[in-house]
Amino acid sequence: MRGRKQATSTTQAAALVRNGPVALKNATPYPRAMPPSPENLSIDVTRNFEGDVLGPISVDVARRRVLAYCTEPRSGWGVYDLAGIQARRAGLLDQISTWSLLLANALNGQVTLNNLADFTQGFQRDLAARIANVPADVDLDGTISDEVLERVVNVCDFGFDGVWAPKITKLAALYRPGSVPVLDGHVAQAFGFSHDSFSIKAVQRSIGRRDRIRKVVHALATGVTEHTRQLDELRELVAPAVPEIRLVPYLRLLDIVIWTSQDDRLPRRERQGKRWDERSPGEPLPLNDFEAVPLRQARTQ
């Protein structure tokens, strides 16, 4: 294609010398614009929200943050995302139990002993039913039906005293990684709400907690569809160093971008280290390192 266009341009140039100007409708005096570079592509899922929102993030900046996050051993990438992939493959995430709530701690869920004690079987059955009502093969994007989107909201809205969306969604997203978003304090602040907006029932900006959850879930669904090109570009930029990035759904990739970007906006303590977009990538975390080890394969020393 490129050679053919160049030949046409040369023919027109010769005609201009011999016969005068070429008709504008047939001329191509300027080269076709190049596709936008990663620096010019941006991700913005908060533009319809008010207050101190996250705003647009260039794909190039997102690339640096995602690379840093996915090569940091103490981020959630290994112990949550990669371990979650292996757990689902091994069939370890097909039930809810008392201990299931502890899985939220893989993303710093801060689940306490009291939380476990209060997570009675009635709550376990309720949460299991809400998760099961969201089809496993559905992704949270612009094609999701209103009915299924409301089922996702119903999962995120579940909770009891001391355990609300920031903890529950970190658990539920392991069961439905393509459709249930992680709604913690960073995500709340990214959308201009207070840090505890997905936990407290108090009305904020005339919006109750469930409606705040619904509003953000809808924005994420829309954002995935509107930014598919950017997310694909981001995935391909990160994949050479972190090939497992291709195994996580768009929703989780978008969540990592939002979380690290919001984290970079907040004041940092010395022990937290550099901002994500200032860190050099570390060594890759192999997926096999998070494979479950059956007891029958273990050897005594």
C-alpha atoms as a PDB file:
ATOM      1  CA  MET A   1       0.000   0.000   0.000  1.00  0.00           C
ATOM      2  CA  ARG A   2       2.729   2.455   0.885  1.00  0.00           C
ATOM      3  CA  GLY A   3       4.573   1.861  -2.436  1.00  0.00           C
ATOM      4  CA  ARG A   4       1.391   2.311  -4.457  1.00  0.00           C
ATOM      5  CA  LYS A   5       0.654   5.670  -2.828  1.00  0.00           C
ATOM      6  CA  GLN A   6       4.192   6.844  -3.432  1.00  0.00           C
ATOM      7  CA  ALA A   7       3.926   5.966  -7.165  1.00  0.00           C
ATOM      8  CA  THR A   8       0.642   7.838  -7.465  1.00  0.00           C
ATOM      9  CA  SER A   9       2.168  10.889  -5.839  1.00  0.00           C
ATOM     10  CA  THR A  10       5.132  10.778  -8.234  1.00  0.00           C
ATOM     11  CA  THR A  11       2.805  10.519 -11.254  1.00  0.00           C
ATOM     12  CA  GLN A  12       0.827  13.522 -10.068  1.00  0.00           C
ATOM     13  CA  ALA A  13       4.021  15.514  -9.545  1.00  0.00           C
ATOM     14  CA  ALA A  14       5.111  14.779 -13.132  1.00  0.00           C
ATOM     15  CA  ALA A  15       1.679  15.779 -14.424  1.00  0.00           C
ATOM     16  CA  LEU A  16       1.948  19.059 -12.531  1.00  0.00           C
ATOM     17  CA  VAL A  17       5.145  19.905 -14.416  1.00  0.00           C
ATOM     18  CA  ARG A  18       3.781  18.866 -17.827  1.00  0.00           C
ATOM     19  CA  ASN A  19       0.158  19.888 -17.740  1.00  0.00           C
ATOM     20  CA  GLY A  20      -0.323  22.319 -14.873  1.00  0.00           C
ATOM     21  CA  PRO A  21      -2.126  21.802 -11.561  1.00  0.00           C
ATOM     22  CA  VAL A  22      -3.743  18.453 -10.801  1.00  0.00           C
ATOM     23  CA  ALA A  23      -7.413  18.557  -9.746  1.00  0.00           C
ATOM     24  CA  LEU A  24      -7.554  18.785  -5.940  1.00  0.00           C
ATOM     25  CA  LYS A  25     -10.068  15.979  -5.664  1.00  0.00           C
ATOM     26  CA  ASN A  26      -7.513  13.590  -7.116  1.00  0.00           C
ATOM     27  CA  ALA A  27      -4.436  14.993  -5.440  1.00  0.00           C
ATOM     28  CA  THR A  28      -2.877  13.713  -2.218  1.00  0.00           C
ATOM     29  CA  PRO A  29      -0.340  16.444  -1.407  1.00  0.00           C
ATOM     30  CA  TYR A  30      -0.072  15.540   2.300  1.00  0.00           C
ATOM     31  CA  PRO A  31       0.754  12.128   3.753  1.00  0.00           C
ATOM     32  CA  ARG A  32      -1.967  10.394   5.772  1.00  0.00           C
ATOM     33  CA  ALA A  33      -1.685  11.186   9.478  1.00  0.00           C
ATOM     34  CA  MET A  34       0.231   8.633  11.504  1.00  0.00           C
ATOM     35  CA  PRO A  35      -1.662   6.750  14.239  1.00  0.00           C
ATOM     36  CA  PRO A  36      -1.426   8.502  17.614  1.00  0.00           C
ATOM     37  CA  SER A  37       1.575   7.525  19.692  1.00  0.00           C
ATOM     38  CA  PRO A  38       1.093   6.115  23.216  1.00  0.00           C
ATOM     39  CA  GLU A  39       1.871   9.604  24.548  1.00  0.00           C
ATOM     40  CA  ASN A  40      -1.135  10.992  22.659  1.00  0.00           C
ATOM     41  CA  LEU A  41      -3.537   8.209  23.618  1.00  0.00           C
ATOM     42  CA  SER A  42      -5.230   8.713  26.963  1.00  0.00           C
ATOM     43  CA  ILE A  43      -7.579   6.889  29.306  1.00  0.00           C
ATOM     44  CA  ASP A  44     -10.259   8.954  31.036  1.00  0.00           C
ATOM     45  CA  VAL A  45     -13.135   7.275  32.864  1.00  0.00           C
ATOM     46  CA  THR A  46     -13.866  10.100  35.310  1.00  0.00           C
ATOM     47  CA  ARG A  47     -14.782  12.956  33.007  1.00  0.00           C
ATOM     48  CA  ASN A  48     -18.499  12.839  33.914  1.00  0.00           C
ATOM     49  CA  PHE A  49     -17.788  13.129  37.634  1.00  0.00           C
ATOM     50  CA  GLU A  50     -17.335  16.275  39.700  1.00  0.00           C
ATOM     51  CA  GLY A  51     -14.726  17.323  42.214  1.00  0.00           C
ATOM     52  CA  ASP A  52     -11.092  16.313  42.464  1.00  0.00           C
ATOM     53  CA  VAL A  53     -11.271  13.477  39.942  1.00  0.00           C
ATOM     54  CA  LEU A  54      -8.445  11.479  38.413  1.00  0.00           C
ATOM     55  CA  GLY A  55      -8.756  12.908  34.905  1.00  0.00           C
ATOM     56  CA  PRO A  56      -7.045  11.602  31.741  1.00  0.00           C
ATOM     57  CA  ILE A  57      -3.948   9.394  31.901  1.00  0.00           C
ATOM     58  CA  SER A  58      -1.737   8.945  28.865  1.00  0.00           C
ATOM     59  CA  VAL A  59      -1.102   5.380  27.760  1.00  0.00           C
ATOM     60  CA  ASP A  60       2.628   6.017  28.082  1.00  0.00           C
ATOM     61  CA  VAL A  61       2.311   7.028  31.741  1.00  0.00           C
ATOM     62  CA  ALA A  62      -0.070   4.104  32.321  1.00  0.00           C
ATOM     63  CA  ARG A  63       2.547   1.790  30.803  1.00  0.00           C
ATOM     64  CA  ARG A  64       5.180   2.877  33.321  1.00  0.00           C
ATOM     65  CA  ARG A  65       2.814   2.433  36.223  1.00  0.00           C
ATOM     66  CA  VAL A  66       1.512  -0.954  35.139  1.00  0.00           C
ATOM     67  CA  LEU A  67       5.038  -2.245  34.483  1.00  0.00           C
ATOM     68  CA  ALA A  68       6.157  -1.117  37.926  1.00  0.00           C
ATOM     69  CA  TYR A  69       3.088  -2.636  39.580  1.00  0.00           C
ATOM     70  CA  CYS A  70       3.399  -5.959  37.771  1.00  0.00           C
ATOM     71  CA  THR A  71       7.075  -6.392  38.654  1.00  0.00           C
ATOM     72  CA  GLU A  72       6.772  -5.350  42.311  1.00  0.00           C
ATOM     73  CA  PRO A  73       6.719  -8.511  44.482  1.00  0.00           C
ATOM     74  CA  ARG A  74       4.750  -6.766  47.230  1.00  0.00           C
ATOM     75  CA  SER A  75       2.027  -5.367  45.017  1.00  0.00           C
ATOM     76  CA  GLY A  76      -1.130  -7.347  44.391  1.00  0.00           C
ATOM     77  CA  TRP A  77       0.032  -8.555  40.980  1.00  0.00           C
ATOM     78  CA  GLY A  78       1.653 -11.764  42.186  1.00  0.00           C
ATOM     79  CA  VAL A  79      -0.258 -12.706  45.317  1.00  0.00           C
ATOM     80  CA  TYR A  80      -3.639 -11.595  43.951  1.00  0.00           C
ATOM     81  CA  ASP A  81      -3.725 -11.635  40.137  1.00  0.00           C
ATOM     82  CA  LEU A  82      -1.313 -14.458  39.339  1.00  0.00           C
ATOM     83  CA  ALA A  83      -2.302 -16.513  42.365  1.00  0.00           C
ATOM     84  CA  GLY A  84      -5.938 -15.912  41.424  1.00  0.00           C
ATOM     85  CA  ILE A  85      -5.356 -17.209  37.889  1.00  0.00           C
ATOM     86  CA  GLN A  86      -3.804 -20.380  39.257  1.00  0.00           C
ATOM     87  CA  ALA A  87      -6.531 -20.807  41.884  1.00  0.00           C
ATOM     88  CA  ARG A  88      -9.273 -20.569  39.256  1.00  0.00           C
ATOM     89  CA  ARG A  89      -7.458 -23.055  37.022  1.00  0.00           C
ATOM     90  CA  ALA A  90      -7.193 -25.475  39.922  1.00  0.00           C
ATOM     91  CA  GLY A  91     -10.883 -25.119  40.794  1.00  0.00           C
ATOM     92  CA  LEU A  92     -10.111 -23.596  44.173  1.00  0.00           C
ATOM     93  CA  LEU A  93     -12.541 -20.702  43.708  1.00  0.00           C
ATOM     94  CA  ASP A  94     -15.835 -22.528  43.367  1.00  0.00           C
ATOM     95  CA  GLN A  95     -17.171 -21.985  46.870  1.00  0.00           C
ATOM     96  CA  ILE A  96     -17.471 -19.423  49.652  1.00  0.00           C
ATOM     97  CA  SER A  97     -16.431 -20.283  53.200  1.00  0.00           C
ATOM     98  CA  THR A  98     -15.476 -18.500  56.398  1.00  0.00           C
ATOM     99  CA  TRP A  99     -11.877 -18.332  55.292  1.00  0.00           C
ATOM    100  CA  SER A 100     -12.739 -16.974  51.831  1.00  0.00           C
ATOM    101  CA  LEU A 101     -12.893 -13.474  53.257  1.00  0.00           C
ATOM    102  CA  LEU A 102      -9.183 -13.717  54.031  1.00  0.00           C
ATOM    103  CA  LEU A 103      -8.476 -13.664  50.284  1.00  0.00           C
ATOM    104  CA  ALA A 104      -9.235  -9.938  50.321  1.00  0.00           C
ATOM    105  CA  ASN A 105      -6.023  -9.489  52.310  1.00  0.00           C
ATOM    106  CA  ALA A 106      -4.071 -10.281  49.127  1.00  0.00           C
ATOM    107  CA  LEU A 107      -5.024  -6.711  48.108  1.00  0.00           C
ATOM    108  CA  ASN A 108      -4.548  -5.271  51.583  1.00  0.00           C
ATOM    109  CA  GLY A 109      -8.179  -5.871  52.537  1.00  0.00           C
ATOM    110  CA  GLN A 110      -7.352  -5.644  56.245  1.00  0.00           C
ATOM    111  CA  VAL A 111      -9.749  -8.427  57.162  1.00  0.00           C
ATOM    112  CA  THR A 112      -9.805  -8.954  60.929  1.00  0.00           C
ATOM    113  CA  LEU A 113     -10.656 -11.899  63.180  1.00  0.00           C
ATOM    114  CA  ASN A 114     -13.889 -10.120  64.096  1.00  0.00           C
ATOM    115  CA  ASN A 115     -14.753  -9.844  60.400  1.00  0.00           C
ATOM    116  CA  LEU A 116     -14.335 -13.609  60.029  1.00  0.00           C
ATOM    117  CA  ALA A 117     -16.428 -14.292  63.107  1.00  0.00           C
ATOM    118  CA  ASP A 118     -19.221 -12.053  61.794  1.00  0.00           C
ATOM    119  CA  PHE A 119     -19.114 -13.631  58.317  1.00  0.00           C
ATOM    120  CA  THR A 120     -21.747 -16.195  59.269  1.00  0.00           C
ATOM    121  CA  GLN A 121     -23.093 -18.864  56.961  1.00  0.00           C
ATOM    122  CA  GLY A 122     -26.122 -16.708  56.216  1.00  0.00           C
ATOM    123  CA  PHE A 123     -23.846 -13.981  54.862  1.00  0.00           C
ATOM    124  CA  GLN A 124     -21.771 -16.585  53.039  1.00  0.00           C
ATOM    125  CA  ARG A 125     -24.847 -17.972  51.270  1.00  0.00           C
ATOM    126  CA  ASP A 126     -26.041 -14.469  50.396  1.00  0.00           C
ATOM    127  CA  LEU A 127     -22.710 -13.475  48.866  1.00  0.00           C
ATOM    128  CA  ALA A 128     -22.359 -16.804  47.035  1.00  0.00           C
ATOM    129  CA  ALA A 129     -25.816 -16.344  45.486  1.00  0.00           C
ATOM    130  CA  ARG A 130     -25.034 -12.795  44.377  1.00  0.00           C
ATOM    131  CA  ILE A 131     -21.779 -13.859  42.732  1.00  0.00           C
ATOM    132  CA  ALA A 132     -23.408 -16.890  41.097  1.00  0.00           C
ATOM    133  CA  ASN A 133     -26.059 -14.598  39.586  1.00  0.00           C
ATOM    134  CA  VAL A 134     -23.347 -12.878  37.544  1.00  0.00           C
ATOM    135  CA  PRO A 135     -22.491 -15.152  34.587  1.00  0.00           C
ATOM    136  CA  ALA A 136     -18.858 -16.222  34.647  1.00  0.00           C
ATOM    137  CA  ASP A 137     -18.361 -15.436  30.950  1.00  0.00           C
ATOM    138  CA  VAL A 138     -19.694 -11.859  31.081  1.00  0.00           C
ATOM    139  CA  ASP A 139     -17.378  -8.858  30.910  1.00  0.00           C
ATOM    140  CA  LEU A 140     -18.173  -5.466  32.361  1.00  0.00           C
ATOM    141  CA  ASP A 141     -18.310  -3.299  29.262  1.00  0.00           C
ATOM    142  CA  GLY A 142     -20.767  -1.297  27.221  1.00  0.00           C
ATOM    143  CA  THR A 143     -22.519  -4.432  25.954  1.00  0.00           C
ATOM    144  CA  ILE A 144     -23.550  -5.671  29.381  1.00  0.00           C
ATOM    145  CA  SER A 145     -27.311  -5.716  29.878  1.00  0.00           C
ATOM    146  CA  ASP A 146     -28.944  -3.509  32.487  1.00  0.00           C
ATOM    147  CA  GLU A 147     -30.058  -6.635  34.318  1.00  0.00           C
ATOM    148  CA  VAL A 148     -26.576  -8.115  34.607  1.00  0.00           C
ATOM    149  CA  LEU A 149     -25.063  -4.726  35.455  1.00  0.00           C
ATOM    150  CA  GLU A 150     -27.508  -4.497  38.351  1.00  0.00           C
ATOM    151  CA  ARG A 151     -26.417  -7.956  39.458  1.00  0.00           C
ATOM    152  CA  VAL A 152     -22.822  -6.701  39.513  1.00  0.00           C
ATOM    153  CA  VAL A 153     -23.960  -3.721  41.610  1.00  0.00           C
ATOM    154  CA  ASN A 154     -25.728  -6.182  43.906  1.00  0.00           C
ATOM    155  CA  VAL A 155     -22.430  -7.999  44.509  1.00  0.00           C
ATOM    156  CA  CYS A 156     -20.564  -4.759  45.197  1.00  0.00           C
ATOM    157  CA  ASP A 157     -23.324  -3.516  47.506  1.00  0.00           C
ATOM    158  CA  PHE A 158     -23.215  -6.592  49.744  1.00  0.00           C
ATOM    159  CA  GLY A 159     -21.753  -6.246  53.198  1.00  0.00           C
ATOM    160  CA  PHE A 160     -22.206  -6.082  56.939  1.00  0.00           C
ATOM    161  CA  ASP A 161     -20.758  -4.071  59.798  1.00  0.00           C
ATOM    162  CA  GLY A 162     -17.018  -3.717  59.199  1.00  0.00           C
ATOM    163  CA  VAL A 163     -17.118  -5.452  55.828  1.00  0.00           C
ATOM    164  CA  TRP A 164     -18.337  -3.441  52.867  1.00  0.00           C
ATOM    165  CA  ALA A 165     -17.389  -2.925  49.228  1.00  0.00           C
ATOM    166  CA  PRO A 166     -13.625  -2.345  49.683  1.00  0.00           C
ATOM    167  CA  LYS A 167     -13.283  -5.802  51.244  1.00  0.00           C
ATOM    168  CA  ILE A 168     -16.095  -7.638  49.485  1.00  0.00           C
ATOM    169  CA  THR A 169     -15.126  -6.578  45.962  1.00  0.00           C
ATOM    170  CA  LYS A 170     -11.527  -7.635  46.537  1.00  0.00           C
ATOM    171  CA  LEU A 171     -12.914 -11.077  47.303  1.00  0.00           C
ATOM    172  CA  ALA A 172     -15.666 -11.181  44.670  1.00  0.00           C
ATOM    173  CA  ALA A 173     -13.371  -9.979  41.861  1.00  0.00           C
ATOM    174  CA  LEU A 174     -11.381 -13.188  42.248  1.00  0.00           C
ATOM    175  CA  TYR A 175     -14.516 -15.143  41.327  1.00  0.00           C
ATOM    176  CA  ARG A 176     -15.648 -12.773  38.557  1.00  0.00           C
ATOM    177  CA  PRO A 177     -12.494 -10.903  37.420  1.00  0.00           C
ATOM    178  CA  GLY A 178     -14.055  -9.739  34.160  1.00  0.00           C
ATOM    179  CA  SER A 179     -17.182  -8.228  35.635  1.00  0.00           C
ATOM    180  CA  VAL A 180     -16.777  -7.308  39.318  1.00  0.00           C
ATOM    181  CA  PRO A 181     -14.537  -4.262  39.866  1.00  0.00           C
ATOM    182  CA  VAL A 182     -12.439  -3.628  42.947  1.00  0.00           C
ATOM    183  CA  LEU A 183     -14.028  -0.658  44.716  1.00  0.00           C
ATOM    184  CA  ASP A 184     -11.663   0.521  47.409  1.00  0.00           C
ATOM    185  CA  GLY A 185     -10.793   3.939  48.782  1.00  0.00           C
ATOM    186  CA  HIS A 186      -8.405   4.801  45.946  1.00  0.00           C
ATOM    187  CA  VAL A 187     -11.090   4.146  43.348  1.00  0.00           C
ATOM    188  CA  ALA A 188     -13.601   6.212  45.319  1.00  0.00           C
ATOM    189  CA  GLN A 189     -11.190   9.158  45.435  1.00  0.00           C
ATOM    190  CA  ALA A 190     -10.356   8.775  41.740  1.00  0.00           C
ATOM    191  CA  PHE A 191     -14.030   9.443  40.988  1.00  0.00           C
ATOM    192  CA  GLY A 192     -14.154  12.461  43.293  1.00  0.00           C
ATOM    193  CA  PHE A 193     -15.772  10.803  46.313  1.00  0.00           C
ATOM    194  CA  SER A 194     -14.360  10.479  49.821  1.00  0.00           C
ATOM    195  CA  HIS A 195     -12.111   7.555  50.705  1.00  0.00           C
ATOM    196  CA  ASP A 196     -14.892   5.726  52.560  1.00  0.00           C
ATOM    197  CA  SER A 197     -17.670   6.389  50.044  1.00  0.00           C
ATOM    198  CA  PHE A 198     -18.230   2.717  49.217  1.00  0.00           C
ATOM    199  CA  SER A 199     -18.548   1.848  52.905  1.00  0.00           C
ATOM    200  CA  ILE A 200     -20.601   4.536  54.623  1.00  0.00           C
ATOM    201  CA  LYS A 201     -24.322   4.959  54.008  1.00  0.00           C
ATOM    202  CA  ALA A 202     -24.278   8.737  54.384  1.00  0.00           C
ATOM    203  CA  VAL A 203     -25.485  10.638  51.327  1.00  0.00           C
ATOM    204  CA  GLN A 204     -22.746  12.461  49.406  1.00  0.00           C
ATOM    205  CA  ARG A 205     -23.640  14.977  46.701  1.00  0.00           C
ATOM    206  CA  SER A 206     -27.233  13.781  46.994  1.00  0.00           C
ATOM    207  CA  ILE A 207     -26.088  10.227  46.165  1.00  0.00           C
ATOM    208  CA  GLY A 208     -26.493   7.250  48.499  1.00  0.00           C
ATOM    209  CA  ARG A 209     -23.927   4.454  48.787  1.00  0.00           C
ATOM    210  CA  ARG A 210     -25.621   1.986  46.415  1.00  0.00           C
ATOM    211  CA  ASP A 211     -26.147   4.726  43.843  1.00  0.00           C
ATOM    212  CA  ARG A 212     -22.502   5.771  44.163  1.00  0.00           C
ATOM    213  CA  ILE A 213     -21.511   2.180  43.501  1.00  0.00           C
ATOM    214  CA  ARG A 214     -23.882   1.956  40.544  1.00  0.00           C
ATOM    215  CA  LYS A 215     -22.589   5.212  39.068  1.00  0.00           C
ATOM    216  CA  VAL A 216     -18.960   4.068  39.217  1.00  0.00           C
ATOM    217  CA  VAL A 217     -19.731   0.548  37.944  1.00  0.00           C
ATOM    218  CA  HIS A 218     -21.574   2.068  34.977  1.00  0.00           C
ATOM    219  CA  ALA A 219     -18.651   4.442  34.300  1.00  0.00           C
ATOM    220  CA  LEU A 220     -16.201   1.536  34.324  1.00  0.00           C
ATOM    221  CA  ALA A 221     -18.376  -0.468  31.932  1.00  0.00           C
ATOM    222  CA  THR A 222     -18.575   2.490  29.570  1.00  0.00           C
ATOM    223  CA  GLY A 223     -14.884   3.202  30.020  1.00  0.00           C
ATOM    224  CA  VAL A 224     -13.827  -0.302  29.009  1.00  0.00           C
ATOM    225  CA  THR A 225     -15.727   0.002  25.737  1.00  0.00           C
ATOM    226  CA  GLU A 226     -14.608   3.551  24.988  1.00  0.00           C
ATOM    227  CA  HIS A 227     -10.966   2.752  25.750  1.00  0.00           C
ATOM    228  CA  THR A 228     -10.588  -0.697  24.216  1.00  0.00           C
ATOM    229  CA  ARG A 229      -8.022   0.646  21.753  1.00  0.00           C
ATOM    230  CA  GLN A 230      -5.999   2.275  24.540  1.00  0.00           C
ATOM    231  CA  LEU A 231      -6.177  -0.838  26.713  1.00  0.00           C
ATOM    232  CA  ASP A 232      -5.082  -3.020  23.792  1.00  0.00           C
ATOM    233  CA  GLU A 233      -2.169  -0.675  23.125  1.00  0.00           C
ATOM    234  CA  LEU A 234      -1.255  -0.681  26.815  1.00  0.00           C
ATOM    235  CA  ARG A 235      -1.419  -4.464  26.980  1.00  0.00           C
ATOM    236  CA  GLU A 236       0.916  -4.834  23.992  1.00  0.00           C
ATOM    237  CA  LEU A 237       3.396  -2.344  25.439  1.00  0.00           C
ATOM    238  CA  VAL A 238       3.553  -4.210  28.761  1.00  0.00           C
ATOM    239  CA  ALA A 239       3.381  -7.781  27.430  1.00  0.00           C
ATOM    240  CA  PRO A 240       7.047  -8.149  26.353  1.00  0.00           C
ATOM    241  CA  ALA A 241       8.107  -7.789  29.991  1.00  0.00           C
ATOM    242  CA  VAL A 242       4.929  -9.177  31.598  1.00  0.00           C
ATOM    243  CA  PRO A 243       3.308 -11.674  29.199  1.00  0.00           C
ATOM    244  CA  GLU A 244       0.720 -12.626  31.836  1.00  0.00           C
ATOM    245  CA  ILE A 245      -0.876  -9.206  31.358  1.00  0.00           C
ATOM    246  CA  ARG A 246      -2.718 -10.829  28.444  1.00  0.00           C
ATOM    247  CA  LEU A 247      -4.432 -13.177  30.912  1.00  0.00           C
ATOM    248  CA  VAL A 248      -6.223 -10.463  32.876  1.00  0.00           C
ATOM    249  CA  PRO A 249      -9.462  -8.913  31.568  1.00  0.00           C
ATOM    250  CA  TYR A 250      -9.810  -5.311  30.487  1.00  0.00           C
ATOM    251  CA  LEU A 251     -11.567  -4.449  33.748  1.00  0.00           C
ATOM    252  CA  ARG A 252      -8.666  -5.551  35.924  1.00  0.00           C
ATOM    253  CA  LEU A 253      -6.137  -3.831  33.661  1.00  0.00           C
ATOM    254  CA  LEU A 254      -8.167  -0.626  33.913  1.00  0.00           C
ATOM    255  CA  ASP A 255      -8.343  -1.042  37.692  1.00  0.00           C
ATOM    256  CA  ILE A 256      -4.542  -1.264  37.936  1.00  0.00           C
ATOM    257  CA  VAL A 257      -4.255   1.937  35.889  1.00  0.00           C
ATOM    258  CA  ILE A 258      -6.793   3.762  38.078  1.00  0.00           C
ATOM    259  CA  TRP A 259      -5.348   2.503  41.373  1.00  0.00           C
ATOM    260  CA  THR A 260      -1.695   3.260  40.613  1.00  0.00           C
ATOM    261  CA  SER A 261      -2.591   6.636  39.098  1.00  0.00           C
ATOM    262  CA  GLN A 262      -4.639   7.632  42.119  1.00  0.00           C
ATOM    263  CA  ASP A 263      -1.896   6.344  44.432  1.00  0.00           C
ATOM    264  CA  ASP A 264       0.571   8.616  42.631  1.00  0.00           C
ATOM    265  CA  ARG A 265      -1.716  11.601  43.291  1.00  0.00           C
ATOM    266  CA  LEU A 266      -1.680  11.099  47.062  1.00  0.00           C
ATOM    267  CA  PRO A 267       1.011  12.311  49.479  1.00  0.00           C
ATOM    268  CA  ARG A 268       3.675   9.660  49.896  1.00  0.00           C
ATOM    269  CA  ARG A 269       5.452   8.527  53.027  1.00  0.00           C
ATOM    270  CA  GLU A 270       9.119   7.628  52.795  1.00  0.00           C
ATOM    271  CA  ARG A 271       8.504   3.935  53.375  1.00  0.00           C
ATOM    272  CA  GLN A 272       6.170   3.844  50.369  1.00  0.00           C
ATOM    273  CA  GLY A 273       9.040   4.456  47.981  1.00  0.00           C
ATOM    274  CA  LYS A 274       8.860   6.245  44.653  1.00  0.00           C
ATOM    275  CA  ARG A 275       5.718   7.008  42.699  1.00  0.00           C
ATOM    276  CA  TRP A 276       4.687   4.205  40.353  1.00  0.00           C
ATOM    277  CA  ASP A 277       5.495   6.194  37.221  1.00  0.00           C
ATOM    278  CA  GLU A 278       9.005   6.918  38.576  1.00  0.00           C
ATOM    279  CA  ARG A 279       9.973   3.354  39.443  1.00  0.00           C
ATOM    280  CA  SER A 280      12.180   1.177  37.303  1.00  0.00           C
ATOM    281  CA  PRO A 281      10.558  -2.170  36.460  1.00  0.00           C
ATOM    282  CA  GLY A 282      11.786  -5.097  38.516  1.00  0.00           C
ATOM    283  CA  GLU A 283      12.168  -8.750  37.607  1.00  0.00           C
ATOM    284  CA  PRO A 284       9.117 -10.512  36.131  1.00  0.00           C
ATOM    285  CA  LEU A 285       7.030 -12.642  38.499  1.00  0.00           C
ATOM    286  CA  PRO A 286       6.597 -16.068  36.829  1.00  0.00           C
ATOM    287  CA  LEU A 287       3.046 -17.404  36.800  1.00  0.00           C
ATOM    288  CA  ASN A 288       4.331 -20.878  37.715  1.00  0.00           C
ATOM    289  CA  ASP A 289       5.585 -19.554  41.044  1.00  0.00           C
ATOM    290  CA  PHE A 290       1.956 -19.195  42.125  1.00  0.00           C
ATOM    291  CA  GLU A 291       0.738 -22.624  41.126  1.00  0.00           C
ATOM    292  CA  ALA A 292      -0.992 -24.589  43.879  1.00  0.00           C
ATOM    293  CA  VAL A 293       1.043 -27.528  45.239  1.00  0.00           C
ATOM    294  CA  PRO A 294      -1.026 -30.667  45.974  1.00  0.00           C
ATOM    295  CA  LEU A 295      -0.014 -32.481  49.135  1.00  0.00           C
ATOM    296  CA  ARG A 296       0.436 -35.711  47.221  1.00  0.00           C
ATOM    297  CA  GLN A 297       3.253 -34.088  45.247  1.00  0.00           C
ATOM    298  CA  ALA A 298       5.055 -32.711  48.260  1.00  0.00           C
ATOM    299  CA  ARG A 299       8.161 -34.462  49.490  1.00  0.00           C
ATOM    300  CA  THR A 300       9.312 -34.831  53.034  1.00  0.00           C
ATOM    301  CA  GLN A 301      12.797 -33.634  53.764  1.00  0.00           C
END
